[in-house]
Amino acid sequence: MNTKFDELLDFPCPFPFKVLGVADDALVEQVVAVLQQHAPGDYTPTTKPSSKGNYLSVTVTVTAQNKEHLETMYSALGQIELVRVVL
């Protein structure tokens, strides 16, 4: 990835990931499991269903150590089958 995270953020820093995916009970668990692999911690995700209930937004704040750490987490979250967008 060619991002400018290192220019825009002072590491380490809290970073909120917003993951949009298919409304499935497993989505939240899968998102937290991936983040635990890369940044172990005690996470309390917040969720919000779409207006029609087809999609679910999951927001989790993690402590990012550096640019590469953030990019790795973005890539890993994007590989979850239920995920459509990672912001």
PDB file of N, CA and C in Angstrom:
ATOM      1  N   MET A   1       0.845  -1.191   0.000  1.00  0.00           N
ATOM      2  CA  MET A   1       0.000   0.000   0.000  1.00  0.00           C
ATOM      3  C   MET A   1       0.883   1.245   0.000  1.00  0.00           C
ATOM      4  N   ASN A   2       0.431   2.225  -0.685  1.00  0.00           N
ATOM      5  CA  ASN A   2       1.171   3.482  -0.726  1.00  0.00           C
ATOM      6  C   ASN A   2       0.333   4.551  -0.022  1.00  0.00           C
ATOM      7  N   THR A   3       0.388   4.555   1.300  1.00  0.00           N
ATOM      8  CA  THR A   3      -0.411   5.492   2.087  1.00  0.00           C
ATOM      9  C   THR A   3       0.475   6.582   2.680  1.00  0.00           C
ATOM     10  N   LYS A   4      -0.165   7.581   3.252  1.00  0.00           N
ATOM     11  CA  LYS A   4       0.558   8.684   3.891  1.00  0.00           C
ATOM     12  C   LYS A   4       0.287   8.710   5.388  1.00  0.00           C
ATOM     13  N   PHE A   5      -0.004   7.543   5.953  1.00  0.00           N
ATOM     14  CA  PHE A   5      -0.283   7.474   7.384  1.00  0.00           C
ATOM     15  C   PHE A   5       0.855   8.044   8.207  1.00  0.00           C
ATOM     16  N   ASP A   6       2.085   7.761   7.789  1.00  0.00           N
ATOM     17  CA  ASP A   6       3.238   8.230   8.566  1.00  0.00           C
ATOM     18  C   ASP A   6       3.364   9.747   8.555  1.00  0.00           C
ATOM     19  N   GLU A   7       2.822  10.402   7.529  1.00  0.00           N
ATOM     20  CA  GLU A   7       2.862  11.864   7.452  1.00  0.00           C
ATOM     21  C   GLU A   7       1.706  12.500   8.231  1.00  0.00           C
ATOM     22  N   LEU A   8       0.620  11.768   8.366  1.00  0.00           N
ATOM     23  CA  LEU A   8      -0.590  12.334   8.966  1.00  0.00           C
ATOM     24  C   LEU A   8      -0.795  11.993  10.436  1.00  0.00           C
ATOM     25  N   LEU A   9      -0.147  10.923  10.905  1.00  0.00           N
ATOM     26  CA  LEU A   9      -0.373  10.465  12.276  1.00  0.00           C
ATOM     27  C   LEU A   9       0.926  10.395  13.060  1.00  0.00           C
ATOM     28  N   ASP A  10       0.838  10.604  14.361  1.00  0.00           N
ATOM     29  CA  ASP A  10       1.977  10.414  15.262  1.00  0.00           C
ATOM     30  C   ASP A  10       1.795   9.072  15.955  1.00  0.00           C
ATOM     31  N   PHE A  11       2.681   8.145  15.668  1.00  0.00           N
ATOM     32  CA  PHE A  11       2.576   6.787  16.218  1.00  0.00           C
ATOM     33  C   PHE A  11       3.336   6.652  17.520  1.00  0.00           C
ATOM     34  N   PRO A  12       2.919   5.740  18.398  1.00  0.00           N
ATOM     35  CA  PRO A  12       1.668   4.978  18.364  1.00  0.00           C
ATOM     36  C   PRO A  12       0.463   5.871  18.639  1.00  0.00           C
ATOM     37  N   CYS A  13      -0.682   5.478  18.083  1.00  0.00           N
ATOM     38  CA  CYS A  13      -1.890   6.284  18.249  1.00  0.00           C
ATOM     39  C   CYS A  13      -3.136   5.415  18.176  1.00  0.00           C
ATOM     40  N   PRO A  14      -4.213   5.874  18.811  1.00  0.00           N
ATOM     41  CA  PRO A  14      -5.481   5.151  18.670  1.00  0.00           C
ATOM     42  C   PRO A  14      -6.017   5.393  17.257  1.00  0.00           C
ATOM     43  N   PHE A  15      -6.523   4.338  16.635  1.00  0.00           N
ATOM     44  CA  PHE A  15      -7.021   4.460  15.266  1.00  0.00           C
ATOM     45  C   PHE A  15      -8.335   3.695  15.142  1.00  0.00           C
ATOM     46  N   PRO A  16      -9.421   4.394  14.772  1.00  0.00           N
ATOM     47  CA  PRO A  16     -10.714   3.708  14.640  1.00  0.00           C
ATOM     48  C   PRO A  16     -10.860   3.071  13.251  1.00  0.00           C
ATOM     49  N   PHE A  17     -11.112   1.789  13.227  1.00  0.00           N
ATOM     50  CA  PHE A  17     -11.432   1.089  11.985  1.00  0.00           C
ATOM     51  C   PHE A  17     -12.937   0.985  11.894  1.00  0.00           C
ATOM     52  N   LYS A  18     -13.496   1.332  10.731  1.00  0.00           N
ATOM     53  CA  LYS A  18     -14.920   1.139  10.477  1.00  0.00           C
ATOM     54  C   LYS A  18     -15.005   0.117   9.364  1.00  0.00           C
ATOM     55  N   VAL A  19     -15.622  -1.002   9.676  1.00  0.00           N
ATOM     56  CA  VAL A  19     -15.733  -2.106   8.732  1.00  0.00           C
ATOM     57  C   VAL A  19     -17.199  -2.272   8.359  1.00  0.00           C
ATOM     58  N   LEU A  20     -17.488  -2.227   7.062  1.00  0.00           N
ATOM     59  CA  LEU A  20     -18.847  -2.408   6.577  1.00  0.00           C
ATOM     60  C   LEU A  20     -18.935  -3.778   5.925  1.00  0.00           C
ATOM     61  N   GLY A  21     -19.922  -4.559   6.329  1.00  0.00           N
ATOM     62  CA  GLY A  21     -20.044  -5.897   5.776  1.00  0.00           C
ATOM     63  C   GLY A  21     -21.464  -6.400   5.797  1.00  0.00           C
ATOM     64  N   VAL A  22     -21.608  -7.624   5.326  1.00  0.00           N
ATOM     65  CA  VAL A  22     -22.908  -8.283   5.297  1.00  0.00           C
ATOM     66  C   VAL A  22     -23.403  -8.467   6.729  1.00  0.00           C
ATOM     67  N   ALA A  23     -24.693  -8.218   6.939  1.00  0.00           N
ATOM     68  CA  ALA A  23     -25.274  -8.370   8.275  1.00  0.00           C
ATOM     69  C   ALA A  23     -25.314  -9.851   8.626  1.00  0.00           C
ATOM     70  N   ASP A  24     -24.317 -10.273   9.371  1.00  0.00           N
ATOM     71  CA  ASP A  24     -24.185 -11.670   9.776  1.00  0.00           C
ATOM     72  C   ASP A  24     -23.628 -11.678  11.190  1.00  0.00           C
ATOM     73  N   ASP A  25     -24.122 -12.584  12.014  1.00  0.00           N
ATOM     74  CA  ASP A  25     -23.672 -12.651  13.406  1.00  0.00           C
ATOM     75  C   ASP A  25     -22.162 -12.859  13.518  1.00  0.00           C
ATOM     76  N   ALA A  26     -21.563 -13.491  12.522  1.00  0.00           N
ATOM     77  CA  ALA A  26     -20.131 -13.804  12.568  1.00  0.00           C
ATOM     78  C   ALA A  26     -19.246 -12.611  12.232  1.00  0.00           C
ATOM     79  N   LEU A  27     -19.791 -11.559  11.634  1.00  0.00           N
ATOM     80  CA  LEU A  27     -18.971 -10.427  11.189  1.00  0.00           C
ATOM     81  C   LEU A  27     -18.194  -9.798  12.340  1.00  0.00           C
ATOM     82  N   VAL A  28     -18.857  -9.466  13.416  1.00  0.00           N
ATOM     83  CA  VAL A  28     -18.199  -8.810  14.548  1.00  0.00           C
ATOM     84  C   VAL A  28     -17.096  -9.705  15.104  1.00  0.00           C
ATOM     85  N   GLU A  29     -17.393 -10.974  15.281  1.00  0.00           N
ATOM     86  CA  GLU A  29     -16.405 -11.911  15.812  1.00  0.00           C
ATOM     87  C   GLU A  29     -15.184 -12.019  14.904  1.00  0.00           C
ATOM     88  N   GLN A  30     -15.406 -12.066  13.595  1.00  0.00           N
ATOM     89  CA  GLN A  30     -14.297 -12.187  12.650  1.00  0.00           C
ATOM     90  C   GLN A  30     -13.439 -10.924  12.637  1.00  0.00           C
ATOM     91  N   VAL A  31     -14.066  -9.761  12.703  1.00  0.00           N
ATOM     92  CA  VAL A  31     -13.321  -8.498  12.722  1.00  0.00           C
ATOM     93  C   VAL A  31     -12.446  -8.439  13.973  1.00  0.00           C
ATOM     94  N   VAL A  32     -13.021  -8.729  15.131  1.00  0.00           N
ATOM     95  CA  VAL A  32     -12.256  -8.687  16.378  1.00  0.00           C
ATOM     96  C   VAL A  32     -11.141  -9.735  16.362  1.00  0.00           C
ATOM     97  N   ALA A  33     -11.410 -10.918  15.818  1.00  0.00           N
ATOM     98  CA  ALA A  33     -10.394 -11.978  15.759  1.00  0.00           C
ATOM     99  C   ALA A  33      -9.190 -11.538  14.919  1.00  0.00           C
ATOM    100  N   VAL A  34      -9.435 -10.900  13.795  1.00  0.00           N
ATOM    101  CA  VAL A  34      -8.337 -10.420  12.938  1.00  0.00           C
ATOM    102  C   VAL A  34      -7.547  -9.338  13.660  1.00  0.00           C
ATOM    103  N   LEU A  35      -8.230  -8.414  14.302  1.00  0.00           N
ATOM    104  CA  LEU A  35      -7.524  -7.349  15.016  1.00  0.00           C
ATOM    105  C   LEU A  35      -6.729  -7.912  16.200  1.00  0.00           C
ATOM    106  N   GLN A  36      -7.252  -8.924  16.867  1.00  0.00           N
ATOM    107  CA  GLN A  36      -6.532  -9.553  17.978  1.00  0.00           C
ATOM    108  C   GLN A  36      -5.212 -10.171  17.506  1.00  0.00           C
ATOM    109  N   GLN A  37      -5.197 -10.691  16.288  1.00  0.00           N
ATOM    110  CA  GLN A  37      -3.977 -11.284  15.736  1.00  0.00           C
ATOM    111  C   GLN A  37      -2.884 -10.242  15.556  1.00  0.00           C
ATOM    112  N   HIS A  38      -3.285  -9.035  15.155  1.00  0.00           N
ATOM    113  CA  HIS A  38      -2.319  -7.992  14.814  1.00  0.00           C
ATOM    114  C   HIS A  38      -2.083  -6.977  15.930  1.00  0.00           C
ATOM    115  N   ALA A  39      -3.066  -6.793  16.791  1.00  0.00           N
ATOM    116  CA  ALA A  39      -2.950  -5.829  17.889  1.00  0.00           C
ATOM    117  C   ALA A  39      -3.776  -6.342  19.067  1.00  0.00           C
ATOM    118  N   PRO A  40      -3.242  -7.315  19.803  1.00  0.00           N
ATOM    119  CA  PRO A  40      -4.003  -7.893  20.915  1.00  0.00           C
ATOM    120  C   PRO A  40      -4.462  -6.822  21.906  1.00  0.00           C
ATOM    121  N   GLY A  41      -5.702  -6.955  22.329  1.00  0.00           N
ATOM    122  CA  GLY A  41      -6.248  -5.992  23.281  1.00  0.00           C
ATOM    123  C   GLY A  41      -7.653  -6.371  23.673  1.00  0.00           C
ATOM    124  N   ASP A  42      -8.246  -5.569  24.530  1.00  0.00           N
ATOM    125  CA  ASP A  42      -9.605  -5.776  24.994  1.00  0.00           C
ATOM    126  C   ASP A  42     -10.506  -4.829  24.214  1.00  0.00           C
ATOM    127  N   TYR A  43     -11.149  -5.323  23.176  1.00  0.00           N
ATOM    128  CA  TYR A  43     -11.926  -4.470  22.282  1.00  0.00           C
ATOM    129  C   TYR A  43     -13.417  -4.537  22.565  1.00  0.00           C
ATOM    130  N   THR A  44     -14.051  -3.382  22.447  1.00  0.00           N
ATOM    131  CA  THR A  44     -15.492  -3.281  22.580  1.00  0.00           C
ATOM    132  C   THR A  44     -16.020  -2.642  21.298  1.00  0.00           C
ATOM    133  N   PRO A  45     -16.329  -3.472  20.304  1.00  0.00           N
ATOM    134  CA  PRO A  45     -16.797  -2.916  19.042  1.00  0.00           C
ATOM    135  C   PRO A  45     -18.204  -2.334  19.164  1.00  0.00           C
ATOM    136  N   THR A  46     -18.472  -1.310  18.382  1.00  0.00           N
ATOM    137  CA  THR A  46     -19.827  -0.780  18.288  1.00  0.00           C
ATOM    138  C   THR A  46     -20.366  -1.169  16.917  1.00  0.00           C
ATOM    139  N   THR A  47     -21.653  -1.447  16.861  1.00  0.00           N
ATOM    140  CA  THR A  47     -22.258  -1.871  15.599  1.00  0.00           C
ATOM    141  C   THR A  47     -23.469  -1.008  15.284  1.00  0.00           C
ATOM    142  N   LYS A  48     -23.745  -0.935  13.990  1.00  0.00           N
ATOM    143  CA  LYS A  48     -24.924  -0.195  13.543  1.00  0.00           C
ATOM    144  C   LYS A  48     -25.423  -0.862  12.264  1.00  0.00           C
ATOM    145  N   PRO A  49     -26.673  -1.321  12.261  1.00  0.00           N
ATOM    146  CA  PRO A  49     -27.206  -1.937  11.049  1.00  0.00           C
ATOM    147  C   PRO A  49     -27.592  -0.878  10.018  1.00  0.00           C
ATOM    148  N   SER A  50     -27.596  -1.275   8.744  1.00  0.00           N
ATOM    149  CA  SER A  50     -28.048  -0.371   7.688  1.00  0.00           C
ATOM    150  C   SER A  50     -29.564  -0.203   7.802  1.00  0.00           C
ATOM    151  N   SER A  51     -30.111   0.760   7.087  1.00  0.00           N
ATOM    152  CA  SER A  51     -31.541   1.052   7.200  1.00  0.00           C
ATOM    153  C   SER A  51     -32.411  -0.139   6.792  1.00  0.00           C
ATOM    154  N   LYS A  52     -31.963  -0.928   5.825  1.00  0.00           N
ATOM    155  CA  LYS A  52     -32.738  -2.094   5.400  1.00  0.00           C
ATOM    156  C   LYS A  52     -32.300  -3.371   6.113  1.00  0.00           C
ATOM    157  N   GLY A  53     -31.232  -3.280   6.912  1.00  0.00           N
ATOM    158  CA  GLY A  53     -30.781  -4.431   7.673  1.00  0.00           C
ATOM    159  C   GLY A  53     -29.928  -5.423   6.904  1.00  0.00           C
ATOM    160  N   ASN A  54     -29.532  -5.072   5.680  1.00  0.00           N
ATOM    161  CA  ASN A  54     -28.713  -5.983   4.872  1.00  0.00           C
ATOM    162  C   ASN A  54     -27.238  -5.926   5.235  1.00  0.00           C
ATOM    163  N   TYR A  55     -26.801  -4.793   5.781  1.00  0.00           N
ATOM    164  CA  TYR A  55     -25.387  -4.587   6.087  1.00  0.00           C
ATOM    165  C   TYR A  55     -25.222  -4.164   7.540  1.00  0.00           C
ATOM    166  N   LEU A  56     -23.987  -4.308   8.010  1.00  0.00           N
ATOM    167  CA  LEU A  56     -23.673  -3.954   9.385  1.00  0.00           C
ATOM    168  C   LEU A  56     -22.365  -3.171   9.399  1.00  0.00           C
ATOM    169  N   SER A  57     -22.335  -2.109  10.161  1.00  0.00           N
ATOM    170  CA  SER A  57     -21.125  -1.320  10.355  1.00  0.00           C
ATOM    171  C   SER A  57     -20.541  -1.692  11.713  1.00  0.00           C
ATOM    172  N   VAL A  58     -19.245  -2.033  11.713  1.00  0.00           N
ATOM    173  CA  VAL A  58     -18.556  -2.397  12.952  1.00  0.00           C
ATOM    174  C   VAL A  58     -17.407  -1.417  13.137  1.00  0.00           C
ATOM    175  N   THR A  59     -17.371  -0.716  14.262  1.00  0.00           N
ATOM    176  CA  THR A  59     -16.299   0.224  14.548  1.00  0.00           C
ATOM    177  C   THR A  59     -15.506  -0.268  15.750  1.00  0.00           C
ATOM    178  N   VAL A  60     -14.182  -0.338  15.548  1.00  0.00           N
ATOM    179  CA  VAL A  60     -13.283  -0.791  16.611  1.00  0.00           C
ATOM    180  C   VAL A  60     -12.066   0.123  16.616  1.00  0.00           C
ATOM    181  N   THR A  61     -11.673   0.622  17.783  1.00  0.00           N
ATOM    182  CA  THR A  61     -10.486   1.461  17.894  1.00  0.00           C
ATOM    183  C   THR A  61      -9.329   0.624  18.417  1.00  0.00           C
ATOM    184  N   VAL A  62      -8.215   0.655  17.664  1.00  0.00           N
ATOM    185  CA  VAL A  62      -7.012  -0.092  18.052  1.00  0.00           C
ATOM    186  C   VAL A  62      -5.850   0.891  18.217  1.00  0.00           C
ATOM    187  N   THR A  63      -4.791   0.450  18.849  1.00  0.00           N
ATOM    188  CA  THR A  63      -3.593   1.266  18.962  1.00  0.00           C
ATOM    189  C   THR A  63      -2.631   0.838  17.856  1.00  0.00           C
ATOM    190  N   ALA A  64      -2.433   1.725  16.908  1.00  0.00           N
ATOM    191  CA  ALA A  64      -1.542   1.444  15.777  1.00  0.00           C
ATOM    192  C   ALA A  64      -0.121   1.851  16.143  1.00  0.00           C
ATOM    193  N   GLN A  65       0.825   0.970  15.863  1.00  0.00           N
ATOM    194  CA  GLN A  65       2.221   1.216  16.222  1.00  0.00           C
ATOM    195  C   GLN A  65       2.991   1.998  15.163  1.00  0.00           C
ATOM    196  N   ASN A  66       2.662   1.771  13.875  1.00  0.00           N
ATOM    197  CA  ASN A  66       3.346   2.462  12.780  1.00  0.00           C
ATOM    198  C   ASN A  66       2.543   2.297  11.495  1.00  0.00           C
ATOM    199  N   LYS A  67       3.035   2.890  10.436  1.00  0.00           N
ATOM    200  CA  LYS A  67       2.357   2.862   9.138  1.00  0.00           C
ATOM    201  C   LYS A  67       2.146   1.423   8.652  1.00  0.00           C
ATOM    202  N   GLU A  68       3.177   0.613   8.750  1.00  0.00           N
ATOM    203  CA  GLU A  68       3.094  -0.765   8.266  1.00  0.00           C
ATOM    204  C   GLU A  68       2.066  -1.565   9.064  1.00  0.00           C
ATOM    205  N   HIS A  69       1.995  -1.300  10.347  1.00  0.00           N
ATOM    206  CA  HIS A  69       1.020  -1.967  11.215  1.00  0.00           C
ATOM    207  C   HIS A  69      -0.400  -1.655  10.747  1.00  0.00           C
ATOM    208  N   LEU A  70      -0.690  -0.388  10.470  1.00  0.00           N
ATOM    209  CA  LEU A  70      -2.009   0.011   9.982  1.00  0.00           C
ATOM    210  C   LEU A  70      -2.326  -0.641   8.650  1.00  0.00           C
ATOM    211  N   GLU A  71      -1.372  -0.615   7.730  1.00  0.00           N
ATOM    212  CA  GLU A  71      -1.591  -1.186   6.406  1.00  0.00           C
ATOM    213  C   GLU A  71      -1.852  -2.684   6.486  1.00  0.00           C
ATOM    214  N   THR A  72      -1.143  -3.365   7.372  1.00  0.00           N
ATOM    215  CA  THR A  72      -1.337  -4.801   7.551  1.00  0.00           C
ATOM    216  C   THR A  72      -2.744  -5.088   8.058  1.00  0.00           C
ATOM    217  N   MET A  73      -3.213  -4.281   9.021  1.00  0.00           N
ATOM    218  CA  MET A  73      -4.557  -4.496   9.561  1.00  0.00           C
ATOM    219  C   MET A  73      -5.621  -4.206   8.507  1.00  0.00           C
ATOM    220  N   TYR A  74      -5.444  -3.136   7.714  1.00  0.00           N
ATOM    221  CA  TYR A  74      -6.386  -2.842   6.632  1.00  0.00           C
ATOM    222  C   TYR A  74      -6.488  -4.030   5.680  1.00  0.00           C
ATOM    223  N   SER A  75      -5.340  -4.560   5.266  1.00  0.00           N
ATOM    224  CA  SER A  75      -5.329  -5.689   4.327  1.00  0.00           C
ATOM    225  C   SER A  75      -6.000  -6.915   4.923  1.00  0.00           C
ATOM    226  N   ALA A  76      -5.685  -7.218   6.174  1.00  0.00           N
ATOM    227  CA  ALA A  76      -6.251  -8.399   6.826  1.00  0.00           C
ATOM    228  C   ALA A  76      -7.768  -8.283   6.975  1.00  0.00           C
ATOM    229  N   LEU A  77      -8.241  -7.104   7.347  1.00  0.00           N
ATOM    230  CA  LEU A  77      -9.686  -6.910   7.495  1.00  0.00           C
ATOM    231  C   LEU A  77     -10.384  -7.034   6.142  1.00  0.00           C
ATOM    232  N   GLY A  78      -9.766  -6.528   5.095  1.00  0.00           N
ATOM    233  CA  GLY A  78     -10.343  -6.598   3.755  1.00  0.00           C
ATOM    234  C   GLY A  78     -10.450  -8.011   3.216  1.00  0.00           C
ATOM    235  N   GLN A  79      -9.694  -8.948   3.779  1.00  0.00           N
ATOM    236  CA  GLN A  79      -9.721 -10.330   3.310  1.00  0.00           C
ATOM    237  C   GLN A  79     -10.829 -11.168   3.950  1.00  0.00           C
ATOM    238  N   ILE A  80     -11.530 -10.602   4.927  1.00  0.00           N
ATOM    239  CA  ILE A  80     -12.656 -11.311   5.538  1.00  0.00           C
ATOM    240  C   ILE A  80     -13.773 -11.392   4.503  1.00  0.00           C
ATOM    241  N   GLU A  81     -14.307 -12.581   4.305  1.00  0.00           N
ATOM    242  CA  GLU A  81     -15.306 -12.797   3.251  1.00  0.00           C
ATOM    243  C   GLU A  81     -16.555 -11.942   3.402  1.00  0.00           C
ATOM    244  N   LEU A  82     -17.013 -11.701   4.614  1.00  0.00           N
ATOM    245  CA  LEU A  82     -18.232 -10.926   4.852  1.00  0.00           C
ATOM    246  C   LEU A  82     -18.018  -9.425   4.686  1.00  0.00           C
ATOM    247  N   VAL A  83     -16.781  -8.975   4.666  1.00  0.00           N
ATOM    248  CA  VAL A  83     -16.480  -7.537   4.616  1.00  0.00           C
ATOM    249  C   VAL A  83     -16.598  -7.006   3.192  1.00  0.00           C
ATOM    250  N   ARG A  84     -17.212  -5.828   3.094  1.00  0.00           N
ATOM    251  CA  ARG A  84     -17.337  -5.156   1.784  1.00  0.00           C
ATOM    252  C   ARG A  84     -16.414  -3.939   1.693  1.00  0.00           C
ATOM    253  N   VAL A  85     -16.271  -3.189   2.800  1.00  0.00           N
ATOM    254  CA  VAL A  85     -15.461  -1.964   2.791  1.00  0.00           C
ATOM    255  C   VAL A  85     -14.781  -1.801   4.154  1.00  0.00           C
ATOM    256  N   VAL A  86     -13.517  -1.354   4.136  1.00  0.00           N
ATOM    257  CA  VAL A  86     -12.815  -1.025   5.380  1.00  0.00           C
ATOM    258  C   VAL A  86     -12.432   0.448   5.295  1.00  0.00           C
ATOM    259  N   LEU A  87     -12.881   1.217   6.264  1.00  0.00           N
ATOM    260  CA  LEU A  87     -12.564   2.661   6.296  1.00  0.00           C
ATOM    261  C   LEU A  87     -11.678   2.966   7.487  1.00  0.00           C
TER     262      LEU A  87
END
